[in-house]
Each structure stands twice: as structure tokens, then as C-alpha cells.
């Protein structure tokens, strides 16, 4: 399971021309799920995300977590995070989990993050054609992969 984490000053998801969800300061998180992923992967990633100290304190040092700044999270499923580009010019998505495996894990991540944050987490719609907008604060983007815990 992978999170692409972008620290944002604002982000939103539009579906079919209508605003679906939006946040101000916090994280836009793109979530990729592969067939081998489980709730254990989700738990590890969610705990890691909420505890990460990447927001500036009064001295300008990255010492604060998203909870410390009372920030928000916008979680968006993105199966393309497990694309393989080794052969040819068309990416293969064979490692990406099928919807019957991925959607419950996506929902579980929303629930876990909401529990850890003690407030609702905003989200996209699984499988929808979404337009994602953001203002990346930094820029700051990192990749967290549950298979690279060590």
C-alpha cells in the first residue's frame, strides 16, 4: 500500500463538475492499493501519516504533526500508483488491487484516519473520474510505502 502525501494549503475534489470535498491546510493523500495489501498495511500507514512532524513550528522547523496544527486530510484512491512502465509505452496496472479488494481497504483507511484524527476525513469517491486540485505547500511531497517499513 502506498501513500503519496502532499502538504497543502488547500485541496479539493470535483466530480462531474460539482465540488465533492475540499480542505484547507493539511494533507492531500493519494492512496494506491495492491493485491498483497491488508488492514495491517493500512494501520501502519495511517499511524505513520498522523504522527509525521512536517509542519513548521514557531521557529520554522518541521516539528508539528497534522494533529498539532488541527489540519485536515483529503484521501483519494489512485490505482495508478502501482503502474509498471517496464515494457512498451502503455503502463500496466496488473499489480493494482481489483475493486473488490481495494474499495474495502480504501474505506477502512478513511475510517482509521477519522478515528486517529478524531474528526471526519474528507475523501474522493472510489472509482470515480475525479478532478483533483491542490496548492502544494513547499512544495512538499513524499511517498510512504507499507512494504518499506524498515
C-alpha atoms as a PDB file:
ATOM      1  CA  UNK A   1       0.000   0.000   0.000  1.00  0.00           C
ATOM      2  CA  UNK A   2       1.298   3.443  -0.859  1.00  0.00           C
ATOM      3  CA  UNK A   3       0.533   6.971   0.221  1.00  0.00           C
ATOM      4  CA  UNK A   4       1.689   9.912  -1.851  1.00  0.00           C
ATOM      5  CA  UNK A   5       1.470  12.693   0.731  1.00  0.00           C
ATOM      6  CA  UNK A   6       1.320  16.314  -0.333  1.00  0.00           C
ATOM      7  CA  UNK A   7       1.333  19.046   2.271  1.00  0.00           C
ATOM      8  CA  UNK A   8      -1.231  21.562   1.039  1.00  0.00           C
ATOM      9  CA  UNK A   9      -2.643  24.931   1.904  1.00  0.00           C
ATOM     10  CA  UNK A  10      -5.833  23.792   0.155  1.00  0.00           C
ATOM     11  CA  UNK A  11      -7.098  20.890  -1.946  1.00  0.00           C
ATOM     12  CA  UNK A  12     -10.377  19.758  -3.472  1.00  0.00           C
ATOM     13  CA  UNK A  13     -12.063  17.015  -5.471  1.00  0.00           C
ATOM     14  CA  UNK A  14     -14.623  17.798  -8.154  1.00  0.00           C
ATOM     15  CA  UNK A  15     -16.785  15.080  -9.706  1.00  0.00           C
ATOM     16  CA  UNK A  16     -18.985  15.718 -12.708  1.00  0.00           C
ATOM     17  CA  UNK A  17     -18.426  19.460 -12.455  1.00  0.00           C
ATOM     18  CA  UNK A  18     -19.585  19.638  -8.814  1.00  0.00           C
ATOM     19  CA  UNK A  19     -17.389  20.160  -5.785  1.00  0.00           C
ATOM     20  CA  UNK A  20     -17.368  16.907  -3.807  1.00  0.00           C
ATOM     21  CA  UNK A  21     -14.943  17.685  -0.977  1.00  0.00           C
ATOM     22  CA  UNK A  22     -12.333  20.225  -0.006  1.00  0.00           C
ATOM     23  CA  UNK A  23      -9.857  21.021   2.738  1.00  0.00           C
ATOM     24  CA  UNK A  24      -7.711  23.927   3.800  1.00  0.00           C
ATOM     25  CA  UNK A  25      -4.300  23.314   5.418  1.00  0.00           C
ATOM     26  CA  UNK A  26      -3.316  19.675   5.739  1.00  0.00           C
ATOM     27  CA  UNK A  27      -2.553  16.672   3.549  1.00  0.00           C
ATOM     28  CA  UNK A  28      -3.812  15.587   0.169  1.00  0.00           C
ATOM     29  CA  UNK A  29      -3.097  11.859   0.204  1.00  0.00           C
ATOM     30  CA  UNK A  30      -3.209   9.688  -2.902  1.00  0.00           C
ATOM     31  CA  UNK A  31      -3.700   6.032  -1.948  1.00  0.00           C
ATOM     32  CA  UNK A  32      -2.537   3.098  -4.056  1.00  0.00           C
ATOM     33  CA  UNK A  33      -3.534  -0.433  -3.099  1.00  0.00           C
ATOM     34  CA  UNK A  34      -2.087  -3.681  -4.450  1.00  0.00           C
ATOM     35  CA  UNK A  35      -3.461  -7.214  -4.141  1.00  0.00           C
ATOM     36  CA  UNK A  36      -0.999  -8.134  -1.351  1.00  0.00           C
ATOM     37  CA  UNK A  37      -2.191  -5.305   0.932  1.00  0.00           C
ATOM     38  CA  UNK A  38      -4.121  -5.833   4.163  1.00  0.00           C
ATOM     39  CA  UNK A  39      -5.578  -3.883   7.068  1.00  0.00           C
ATOM     40  CA  UNK A  40      -2.171  -4.220   8.754  1.00  0.00           C
ATOM     41  CA  UNK A  41      -0.647  -2.161   5.914  1.00  0.00           C
ATOM     42  CA  UNK A  42      -3.420   0.412   6.271  1.00  0.00           C
ATOM     43  CA  UNK A  43      -2.959   0.658  10.046  1.00  0.00           C
ATOM     44  CA  UNK A  44       0.783   1.212   9.697  1.00  0.00           C
ATOM     45  CA  UNK A  45       0.372   3.889   7.019  1.00  0.00           C
ATOM     46  CA  UNK A  46      -2.426   5.730   8.820  1.00  0.00           C
ATOM     47  CA  UNK A  47      -0.494   5.815  12.106  1.00  0.00           C
ATOM     48  CA  UNK A  48       2.658   6.971  10.305  1.00  0.00           C
ATOM     49  CA  UNK A  49       0.786   9.751   8.496  1.00  0.00           C
ATOM     50  CA  UNK A  50      -0.914  11.194  11.564  1.00  0.00           C
ATOM     51  CA  UNK A  51       2.318  11.133  13.613  1.00  0.00           C
ATOM     52  CA  UNK A  52       4.551  12.690  10.923  1.00  0.00           C
ATOM     53  CA  UNK A  53       6.024  16.008  12.010  1.00  0.00           C
ATOM     54  CA  UNK A  54       6.218  18.006   8.796  1.00  0.00           C
ATOM     55  CA  UNK A  55       4.522  21.270   9.687  1.00  0.00           C
ATOM     56  CA  UNK A  56       6.537  24.270  10.868  1.00  0.00           C
ATOM     57  CA  UNK A  57       6.654  25.374  14.479  1.00  0.00           C
ATOM     58  CA  UNK A  58       7.161  28.968  15.655  1.00  0.00           C
ATOM     59  CA  UNK A  59      10.892  28.661  14.829  1.00  0.00           C
ATOM     60  CA  UNK A  60      10.217  27.489  11.274  1.00  0.00           C
ATOM     61  CA  UNK A  61      11.331  23.898  11.982  1.00  0.00           C
ATOM     62  CA  UNK A  62       9.256  20.917  10.876  1.00  0.00           C
ATOM     63  CA  UNK A  63       8.251  19.779  14.370  1.00  0.00           C
ATOM     64  CA  UNK A  64       4.447  19.704  14.245  1.00  0.00           C
ATOM     65  CA  UNK A  65       2.070  16.932  13.199  1.00  0.00           C
ATOM     66  CA  UNK A  66      -1.189  17.395  11.344  1.00  0.00           C
ATOM     67  CA  UNK A  67      -2.977  16.971  14.671  1.00  0.00           C
ATOM     68  CA  UNK A  68      -0.838  19.706  16.249  1.00  0.00           C
ATOM     69  CA  UNK A  69      -1.945  22.212  13.601  1.00  0.00           C
ATOM     70  CA  UNK A  70      -5.542  20.928  13.546  1.00  0.00           C
ATOM     71  CA  UNK A  71      -5.141  20.273   9.823  1.00  0.00           C
ATOM     72  CA  UNK A  72      -7.342  18.211   7.542  1.00  0.00           C
ATOM     73  CA  UNK A  73      -6.824  15.186   5.302  1.00  0.00           C
ATOM     74  CA  UNK A  74      -8.270  14.615   1.835  1.00  0.00           C
ATOM     75  CA  UNK A  75      -7.817  10.946   0.825  1.00  0.00           C
ATOM     76  CA  UNK A  76      -8.131   9.984  -2.842  1.00  0.00           C
ATOM     77  CA  UNK A  77      -7.810   6.438  -4.226  1.00  0.00           C
ATOM     78  CA  UNK A  78      -5.416   6.171  -7.165  1.00  0.00           C
ATOM     79  CA  UNK A  79      -4.818   2.725  -8.649  1.00  0.00           C
ATOM     80  CA  UNK A  80      -2.150   4.126 -10.997  1.00  0.00           C
ATOM     81  CA  UNK A  81       0.364   4.313  -8.116  1.00  0.00           C
ATOM     82  CA  UNK A  82       1.279   0.682  -8.847  1.00  0.00           C
ATOM     83  CA  UNK A  83       1.743   1.167 -12.589  1.00  0.00           C
ATOM     84  CA  UNK A  84       4.566  -0.724 -14.245  1.00  0.00           C
ATOM     85  CA  UNK A  85       6.316   1.049 -17.113  1.00  0.00           C
ATOM     86  CA  UNK A  86       8.998  -1.588 -17.801  1.00  0.00           C
ATOM     87  CA  UNK A  87       7.654  -2.780 -21.149  1.00  0.00           C
ATOM     88  CA  UNK A  88       6.274  -0.754 -24.020  1.00  0.00           C
ATOM     89  CA  UNK A  89       4.648   2.652 -23.816  1.00  0.00           C
ATOM     90  CA  UNK A  90       1.368   1.749 -22.163  1.00  0.00           C
ATOM     91  CA  UNK A  91       1.595   1.305 -18.385  1.00  0.00           C
ATOM     92  CA  UNK A  92       0.456  -1.989 -16.901  1.00  0.00           C
ATOM     93  CA  UNK A  93      -1.702  -1.912 -13.794  1.00  0.00           C
ATOM     94  CA  UNK A  94      -1.519  -5.633 -13.039  1.00  0.00           C
ATOM     95  CA  UNK A  95      -0.173  -5.005  -9.513  1.00  0.00           C
ATOM     96  CA  UNK A  96      -3.069  -2.706  -8.628  1.00  0.00           C
ATOM     97  CA  UNK A  97      -5.736  -4.358  -6.498  1.00  0.00           C
ATOM     98  CA  UNK A  98      -9.073  -5.168  -8.074  1.00  0.00           C
ATOM     99  CA  UNK A  99     -12.012  -3.072  -6.806  1.00  0.00           C
ATOM    100  CA  UNK A 100     -13.450  -5.875  -4.636  1.00  0.00           C
ATOM    101  CA  UNK A 101     -10.194  -5.893  -2.625  1.00  0.00           C
ATOM    102  CA  UNK A 102      -9.229  -2.217  -2.905  1.00  0.00           C
ATOM    103  CA  UNK A 103     -12.506  -0.469  -2.082  1.00  0.00           C
ATOM    104  CA  UNK A 104     -12.924  -2.023   1.401  1.00  0.00           C
ATOM    105  CA  UNK A 105      -9.308  -1.081   2.233  1.00  0.00           C
ATOM    106  CA  UNK A 106      -9.892   2.455   0.970  1.00  0.00           C
ATOM    107  CA  UNK A 107     -12.983   2.735   3.188  1.00  0.00           C
ATOM    108  CA  UNK A 108     -11.021   1.262   6.088  1.00  0.00           C
ATOM    109  CA  UNK A 109      -8.301   3.931   5.649  1.00  0.00           C
ATOM    110  CA  UNK A 110     -10.930   6.682   5.752  1.00  0.00           C
ATOM    111  CA  UNK A 111     -12.342   5.216   8.967  1.00  0.00           C
ATOM    112  CA  UNK A 112      -8.910   4.726  10.569  1.00  0.00           C
ATOM    113  CA  UNK A 113      -7.733   8.232   9.734  1.00  0.00           C
ATOM    114  CA  UNK A 114     -11.008   9.698  11.020  1.00  0.00           C
ATOM    115  CA  UNK A 115     -10.566   7.756  14.253  1.00  0.00           C
ATOM    116  CA  UNK A 116      -6.936   8.816  14.676  1.00  0.00           C
ATOM    117  CA  UNK A 117      -7.705  12.461  13.836  1.00  0.00           C
ATOM    118  CA  UNK A 118     -10.876  12.425  15.980  1.00  0.00           C
ATOM    119  CA  UNK A 119     -12.744  14.189  13.187  1.00  0.00           C
ATOM    120  CA  UNK A 120     -14.061  13.284   9.728  1.00  0.00           C
ATOM    121  CA  UNK A 121     -11.528  12.826   6.951  1.00  0.00           C
ATOM    122  CA  UNK A 122     -12.564  14.120   3.547  1.00  0.00           C
ATOM    123  CA  UNK A 123     -12.339  11.749   0.601  1.00  0.00           C
ATOM    124  CA  UNK A 124     -12.906  11.269  -3.073  1.00  0.00           C
ATOM    125  CA  UNK A 125     -15.218   8.603  -4.492  1.00  0.00           C
ATOM    126  CA  UNK A 126     -13.692   5.206  -5.191  1.00  0.00           C
ATOM    127  CA  UNK A 127     -13.515   4.538  -8.938  1.00  0.00           C
ATOM    128  CA  UNK A 128     -14.923   7.937  -9.939  1.00  0.00           C
ATOM    129  CA  UNK A 129     -13.459  10.219 -12.586  1.00  0.00           C
ATOM    130  CA  UNK A 130     -12.235  12.990 -10.294  1.00  0.00           C
ATOM    131  CA  UNK A 131     -10.609  16.346 -10.866  1.00  0.00           C
ATOM    132  CA  UNK A 132      -8.168  16.941  -8.027  1.00  0.00           C
ATOM    133  CA  UNK A 133      -6.904  20.460  -7.359  1.00  0.00           C
ATOM    134  CA  UNK A 134      -4.310  21.485  -4.824  1.00  0.00           C
ATOM    135  CA  UNK A 135      -1.922  24.159  -3.733  1.00  0.00           C
ATOM    136  CA  UNK A 136       1.163  22.268  -2.616  1.00  0.00           C
ATOM    137  CA  UNK A 137       2.746  23.973   0.399  1.00  0.00           C
ATOM    138  CA  UNK A 138       6.516  23.872  -0.005  1.00  0.00           C
ATOM    139  CA  UNK A 139       6.417  22.143  -2.401  1.00  0.00           C
ATOM    140  CA  UNK A 140       6.314  19.128  -0.128  1.00  0.00           C
ATOM    141  CA  UNK A 141       5.557  15.647  -1.463  1.00  0.00           C
ATOM    142  CA  UNK A 142       6.683  12.313  -0.029  1.00  0.00           C
ATOM    143  CA  UNK A 143       5.994   8.662  -0.763  1.00  0.00           C
ATOM    144  CA  UNK A 144       5.293   6.217   2.076  1.00  0.00           C
ATOM    145  CA  UNK A 145       5.131   2.530   1.183  1.00  0.00           C
ATOM    146  CA  UNK A 146       3.952  -0.058   3.720  1.00  0.00           C
ATOM    147  CA  UNK A 147       6.350  -2.602   2.208  1.00  0.00           C
ATOM    148  CA  UNK A 148       9.329  -0.359   3.142  1.00  0.00           C
ATOM    149  CA  UNK A 149       8.884  -0.238   6.919  1.00  0.00           C
ATOM    150  CA  UNK A 150      12.495  -0.982   7.757  1.00  0.00           C
END
